Structures are given as C-alpha cells and as structure tokens.
Amino acid sequence: MRPEQSPIPAPPDHKGAGHRRRLREKFLDSGLSGFHDYEVIELLLTLATPQKDCKEEAKAALQRFKTFHGVMEASIRELCEIPGIGSKNVFGIKFVKAVADRYLEKAIIKKDPIHHSKALFEYLYHTMRDKGRESFKALFLDSKNHVIAIETLFEGTLTQSPVYPREVVASALNHHAAALIFAHNHPSGDPTPSTEDMSITRQLLFACKVMGIIVHEHLIIGDNRYFSFADEGHIAQMNRDYEEFK
C-alpha cells in the first residue's frame, strides 16, 4: 500500500492580502458607500500592485494632493514622488480617471448641451476643476446644437492659457461646426473672469461671427462653482457690439 500523503499546505497569504480582500469584498457588496477617500485610492493602487498593502501610500497621496480629485488629477511623475508608489501601481488611478472622463464625454456627445447643461457642467467640472494649469476647451456643435467633438485647444501656466482666435476658428471649420461653447479653468478656484478673459472671449466671438459661427457660451470652472458668460449677459452684449462694429 502507498503511504497516505498529507495535503500540500496552502502558501501563506502575503502581508496585506486579507485587508485587500476585505476592501474588494466591501466594494462588491455595497459599492463605494462607506469608503473613505484613502480607501478608494488604496483600492486603485492595488489593481496593479499584486502583493502589497497600499494603505500608507494612499494616505500619503491624499495628504500631498489635499483632495481625492487632486490625487486623480496628479501626473504620473507627481504620483511617483510618493514613497512606495511607482509607475506600475499608478495604473489603476490613471485608468479609472480616463474611463470616467470618457463616460462623461459620451454622456454629452450627440446631445444639445444648452438643454443638457447639468451633463455639460459635470463633464467640464470633472475634467478641469483640479488641473494645476489653465486649460482651454472647445465644444464643437452642429446646426442642431448637438456636440460633435470636444478638444482641449490650449494649455498654459498656473495663471493663464494662451488662446489664439485663428486656431480656434480653424478647428471649428475643420469640424464643420455651426456653433461653439468655450470653457477654461481657474486653478485658483475662483471663477471670476479677469480682464484678459473678457477680452479674449470678445475676440473669439467676433472672429467666429465673421465666419458665420455662433458662440453660445464661455464657462470658467472654479472650485465647486463656475462663471457663465451667457448667464451674466456678456455673450448677448458682445453680439450686440459686433452688430454695431460691422
């Protein structure tokens, strides 16, 4: 008779395996309800970190970038400056951020953003609020005011983004756009328009009007608030100024 063989013992769990498993089970059971921000970041880090507890790295990232959104908007280089975080385990953060951006963009493509302003603001706010530098976006609309394309046309410094009307008009013509909506962020969090913001909006509107392209709106995205050139009457006034100018 062959001697009875003992079962091969299972390898011991690596350090942190139980904690990671509990986090994932918690998410599968109830989504992100009840999760702290650092736990969400930790879960994202573990997607590409097979055998490590990432709690301390997640807390360190949140401490450095102040908010959950700040962590999501941080560059790969900035994230890798956190001890214990490398180029491989930032994959989860950057991938989920890109998926969220794509989801919100698809929510407004082919729709009329003028009558779906909530979806428009959610997309712009999510993609622009925590950027460390000014970024200028254009939404290109067809004759029925449906979004046909969205582009980031210019990115600048902490306090300003260079905007060139000729390039904006060229992009609009390339997309066969009938109308435009502009948006840019203020990294300071204060969406109050500067003198330069007022001036460039006027230049853009005039340049577009010459080519028969309508400018519906220019939004400035701040921290939990925004400024609307249309709501404040500036777009209407600039249109009147153009009619007098021509």
Protein backbone atom coordinates (compact mmCIF):
# COMPACT_ATOMS: atom_id res chain seq x y z
CA MET A 1 0.00 0.00 0.00
CA ARG A 2 1.11 3.51 -0.79
CA PRO A 3 1.57 5.59 2.32
CA GLU A 4 -1.12 8.20 2.79
CA GLN A 5 0.12 11.58 1.63
CA SER A 6 -0.50 14.71 3.58
CA PRO A 7 -2.20 17.53 1.69
CA ILE A 8 0.13 20.22 0.44
CA PRO A 9 -0.32 23.22 2.69
CA ALA A 10 -1.55 26.42 1.04
CA PRO A 11 1.07 29.12 0.83
CA PRO A 12 0.65 31.76 3.47
CA ASP A 13 -1.06 34.95 2.46
CA HIS A 14 1.29 37.78 1.67
CA LYS A 15 1.23 40.73 4.01
CA GLY A 16 -1.90 42.78 3.48
CA ALA A 17 -3.75 40.13 1.45
CA GLY A 18 -6.56 39.86 3.98
CA HIS A 19 -7.01 43.63 4.10
CA ARG A 20 -7.06 43.90 0.30
CA ARG A 21 -9.57 41.06 0.07
CA ARG A 22 -11.84 42.74 2.61
CA LEU A 23 -11.70 46.02 0.67
CA ARG A 24 -12.69 44.29 -2.56
CA GLU A 25 -15.46 42.31 -0.89
CA LYS A 26 -16.75 45.51 0.71
CA PHE A 27 -16.87 47.19 -2.70
CA LEU A 28 -18.61 44.24 -4.37
CA ASP A 29 -21.15 44.16 -1.54
CA SER A 30 -22.09 47.85 -1.36
CA GLY A 31 -20.11 49.83 -3.92
CA LEU A 32 -18.16 52.80 -2.61
CA SER A 33 -20.72 53.59 0.08
CA GLY A 34 -18.90 53.87 3.38
CA PHE A 35 -15.43 54.06 1.81
CA HIS A 36 -13.05 56.77 2.94
CA ASP A 37 -11.26 58.60 0.12
CA TYR A 38 -7.95 57.00 1.05
CA GLU A 39 -9.56 53.54 0.80
CA VAL A 40 -10.73 54.27 -2.76
CA ILE A 41 -7.22 55.39 -3.69
CA GLU A 42 -5.79 52.34 -1.95
CA LEU A 43 -8.09 50.05 -3.92
CA LEU A 44 -6.99 51.70 -7.17
CA LEU A 45 -3.33 51.27 -6.28
CA THR A 46 -3.82 47.56 -5.57
CA LEU A 47 -5.10 46.94 -9.12
CA ALA A 48 -1.50 46.88 -10.35
CA THR A 49 0.22 46.02 -7.06
CA PRO A 50 -0.26 42.26 -6.64
CA GLN A 51 1.38 41.64 -3.28
CA LYS A 52 1.40 44.74 -1.16
CA ASP A 53 -0.79 46.66 1.27
CA CYS A 54 -1.11 50.18 -0.19
CA LYS A 55 -2.86 51.92 2.72
CA GLU A 56 0.05 54.13 3.76
CA GLU A 57 0.82 55.15 0.18
CA ALA A 58 -2.83 56.07 -0.37
CA LYS A 59 -2.89 58.21 2.76
CA ALA A 60 0.38 59.89 1.76
CA ALA A 61 -1.00 60.71 -1.69
CA LEU A 62 -4.15 62.20 -0.20
CA GLN A 63 -2.10 64.26 2.24
CA ARG A 64 0.08 65.66 -0.54
CA PHE A 65 -2.64 66.41 -3.10
CA LYS A 66 -5.20 67.51 -0.48
CA THR A 67 -8.35 66.05 -2.10
CA PHE A 68 -9.49 62.91 -3.88
CA HIS A 69 -9.82 64.92 -7.09
CA GLY A 70 -6.32 66.25 -6.56
CA VAL A 71 -4.93 62.71 -6.48
CA MET A 72 -6.86 61.75 -9.61
CA GLU A 73 -5.58 64.81 -11.48
CA ALA A 74 -1.94 64.40 -10.39
CA SER A 75 0.51 63.45 -13.09
CA ILE A 76 2.28 60.09 -13.14
CA ARG A 77 5.52 61.87 -12.25
CA GLU A 78 3.92 63.58 -9.26
CA LEU A 79 2.33 60.35 -8.02
CA CYS A 80 5.64 58.52 -8.33
CA GLU A 81 7.21 61.05 -5.98
CA ILE A 82 5.16 59.47 -3.17
CA PRO A 83 7.33 56.86 -1.38
CA GLY A 84 6.15 53.38 -2.29
CA ILE A 85 4.29 54.44 -5.45
CA GLY A 86 5.85 53.58 -8.79
CA SER A 87 4.93 53.84 -12.45
CA LYS A 88 3.25 50.42 -12.41
CA ASN A 89 0.88 50.88 -9.49
CA VAL A 90 -0.42 54.26 -10.65
CA PHE A 91 -2.10 52.36 -13.49
CA GLY A 92 -5.36 51.96 -11.59
CA ILE A 93 -5.64 55.67 -10.82
CA LYS A 94 -4.90 56.85 -14.36
CA PHE A 95 -7.06 54.15 -15.97
CA VAL A 96 -10.13 54.85 -13.85
CA LYS A 97 -9.70 58.61 -14.38
CA ALA A 98 -9.58 58.09 -18.15
CA VAL A 99 -12.66 55.84 -18.04
CA ALA A 100 -14.59 58.45 -16.04
CA ASP A 101 -13.59 61.18 -18.50
CA ARG A 102 -14.71 59.03 -21.43
CA TYR A 103 -18.02 58.19 -19.74
CA LEU A 104 -18.87 61.84 -19.06
CA GLU A 105 -17.79 62.89 -22.54
CA LYS A 106 -20.00 60.24 -24.14
CA ALA A 107 -22.89 61.50 -21.99
CA ILE A 108 -22.92 64.80 -23.88
CA ILE A 109 -21.69 63.81 -27.36
CA LYS A 110 -24.61 64.00 -29.84
CA LYS A 111 -26.70 65.87 -27.28
CA ASP A 112 -27.69 69.52 -27.04
CA PRO A 113 -25.58 70.89 -24.16
CA ILE A 114 -27.70 74.02 -23.99
CA HIS A 115 -30.62 71.87 -22.84
CA HIS A 116 -28.44 69.32 -21.03
CA SER A 117 -26.48 71.84 -19.00
CA LYS A 118 -26.13 69.53 -16.00
CA ALA A 119 -24.32 66.86 -18.04
CA LEU A 120 -22.17 69.56 -19.62
CA PHE A 121 -21.16 71.05 -16.29
CA GLU A 122 -20.48 67.62 -14.76
CA TYR A 123 -18.15 66.78 -17.64
CA LEU A 124 -16.31 70.10 -17.56
CA TYR A 125 -16.12 70.20 -13.77
CA HIS A 126 -14.83 66.65 -13.51
CA THR A 127 -12.19 67.08 -16.20
CA MET A 128 -10.99 70.60 -15.37
CA ARG A 129 -11.50 71.54 -11.71
CA ASP A 130 -8.24 70.26 -10.23
CA LYS A 131 -5.84 70.86 -13.07
CA GLY A 132 -2.74 72.69 -11.88
CA ARG A 133 -2.56 74.80 -15.03
CA GLU A 134 -5.11 76.66 -17.09
CA SER A 135 -6.66 74.56 -19.83
CA PHE A 136 -8.93 75.82 -22.62
CA LYS A 137 -11.55 73.51 -24.15
CA ALA A 138 -13.87 73.99 -27.09
CA LEU A 139 -17.08 72.07 -27.69
CA PHE A 140 -17.98 71.96 -31.38
CA LEU A 141 -21.70 71.88 -32.16
CA ASP A 142 -23.65 71.14 -35.34
CA SER A 143 -26.58 73.18 -36.65
CA LYS A 144 -28.92 71.46 -34.18
CA ASN A 145 -26.59 72.30 -31.27
CA HIS A 146 -25.53 68.69 -30.81
CA VAL A 147 -21.95 68.19 -29.65
CA ILE A 148 -19.89 66.68 -32.44
CA ALA A 149 -16.44 66.97 -30.87
CA ILE A 150 -14.60 68.21 -27.78
CA GLU A 151 -10.99 69.34 -27.82
CA THR A 152 -8.50 70.82 -25.40
CA LEU A 153 -7.05 73.51 -27.65
CA PHE A 154 -4.60 75.25 -25.34
CA GLU A 155 -2.84 74.62 -22.05
CA GLY A 156 -0.85 77.23 -20.21
CA THR A 157 0.71 78.31 -16.95
CA LEU A 158 -0.68 78.42 -13.44
CA THR A 159 -2.47 81.70 -14.14
CA GLN A 160 -3.10 81.87 -17.87
CA SER A 161 -3.54 79.90 -21.06
CA PRO A 162 -2.62 81.42 -24.44
CA VAL A 163 -5.65 81.39 -26.73
CA TYR A 164 -5.36 82.17 -30.43
CA PRO A 165 -8.64 83.02 -32.23
CA ARG A 166 -7.25 82.00 -35.63
CA GLU A 167 -6.55 78.46 -34.39
CA VAL A 168 -9.96 78.23 -32.73
CA VAL A 169 -11.71 79.23 -35.96
CA ALA A 170 -9.56 76.80 -37.96
CA SER A 171 -10.55 73.95 -35.62
CA ALA A 172 -14.22 74.91 -35.88
CA LEU A 173 -14.07 74.87 -39.68
CA ASN A 174 -12.22 71.55 -39.61
CA HIS A 175 -15.09 70.05 -37.58
CA HIS A 176 -17.71 71.76 -39.77
CA ALA A 177 -19.09 73.30 -36.59
CA ALA A 178 -22.02 75.70 -36.67
CA ALA A 179 -21.58 76.82 -33.07
CA LEU A 180 -19.14 76.68 -30.17
CA ILE A 181 -19.02 76.56 -26.40
CA PHE A 182 -15.79 77.51 -24.67
CA ALA A 183 -14.58 76.54 -21.22
CA HIS A 184 -11.43 77.05 -19.22
CA ASN A 185 -10.43 76.52 -15.61
CA HIS A 186 -9.00 78.79 -12.95
CA PRO A 187 -6.55 76.76 -10.83
CA SER A 188 -7.00 79.31 -8.03
CA GLY A 189 -10.57 78.04 -7.60
CA ASP A 190 -12.07 81.50 -8.13
CA PRO A 191 -14.04 81.55 -11.42
CA THR A 192 -14.35 85.35 -11.55
CA PRO A 193 -13.30 86.42 -15.08
CA SER A 194 -10.18 88.51 -15.48
CA THR A 195 -9.83 91.45 -17.86
CA GLU A 196 -7.97 89.08 -20.20
CA ASP A 197 -10.84 86.56 -20.02
CA MET A 198 -13.32 89.23 -21.06
CA SER A 199 -11.05 90.42 -23.87
CA ILE A 200 -10.29 87.00 -25.37
CA THR A 201 -13.96 85.99 -25.23
CA ARG A 202 -14.84 89.11 -27.19
CA GLN A 203 -12.08 88.40 -29.74
CA LEU A 204 -13.21 84.80 -30.13
CA LEU A 205 -16.86 85.74 -30.58
CA PHE A 206 -16.02 88.40 -33.19
CA ALA A 207 -13.69 86.06 -35.10
CA CYS A 208 -16.32 83.32 -35.13
CA LYS A 209 -19.10 85.68 -36.17
CA VAL A 210 -17.08 86.74 -39.22
CA MET A 211 -17.08 83.09 -40.31
CA GLY A 212 -20.77 82.61 -39.53
CA ILE A 213 -20.11 80.53 -36.40
CA ILE A 214 -22.16 81.14 -33.26
CA VAL A 215 -20.61 81.32 -29.79
CA HIS A 216 -23.21 80.18 -27.26
CA GLU A 217 -21.22 80.23 -24.05
CA HIS A 218 -17.91 80.55 -22.26
CA LEU A 219 -17.69 78.87 -18.86
CA ILE A 220 -14.96 79.39 -16.29
CA ILE A 221 -14.62 76.40 -13.96
CA GLY A 222 -13.59 77.06 -10.36
CA ASP A 223 -13.82 75.17 -7.09
CA ASN A 224 -17.42 73.96 -6.68
CA ARG A 225 -18.68 76.87 -8.79
CA TYR A 226 -18.45 78.34 -12.25
CA PHE A 227 -18.95 81.60 -14.12
CA SER A 228 -21.20 81.73 -17.18
CA PHE A 229 -20.65 84.50 -19.73
CA ALA A 230 -24.09 83.75 -21.18
CA ASP A 231 -25.96 83.80 -17.87
CA GLU A 232 -24.31 87.09 -16.92
CA GLY A 233 -25.36 88.69 -20.21
CA HIS A 234 -21.87 89.11 -21.65
CA ILE A 235 -22.43 86.92 -24.71
CA ALA A 236 -25.57 88.85 -25.65
CA GLN A 237 -23.80 92.18 -25.18
CA MET A 238 -20.82 91.06 -27.27
CA ASN A 239 -23.20 90.02 -30.06
CA ARG A 240 -24.76 93.48 -29.97
CA ASP A 241 -21.31 95.07 -30.00
CA TYR A 242 -20.42 93.03 -33.08
CA GLU A 243 -23.52 94.17 -34.93
CA GLU A 244 -22.59 97.78 -34.22
CA PHE A 245 -18.95 97.16 -35.11
CA LYS A 246 -19.56 95.62 -38.52
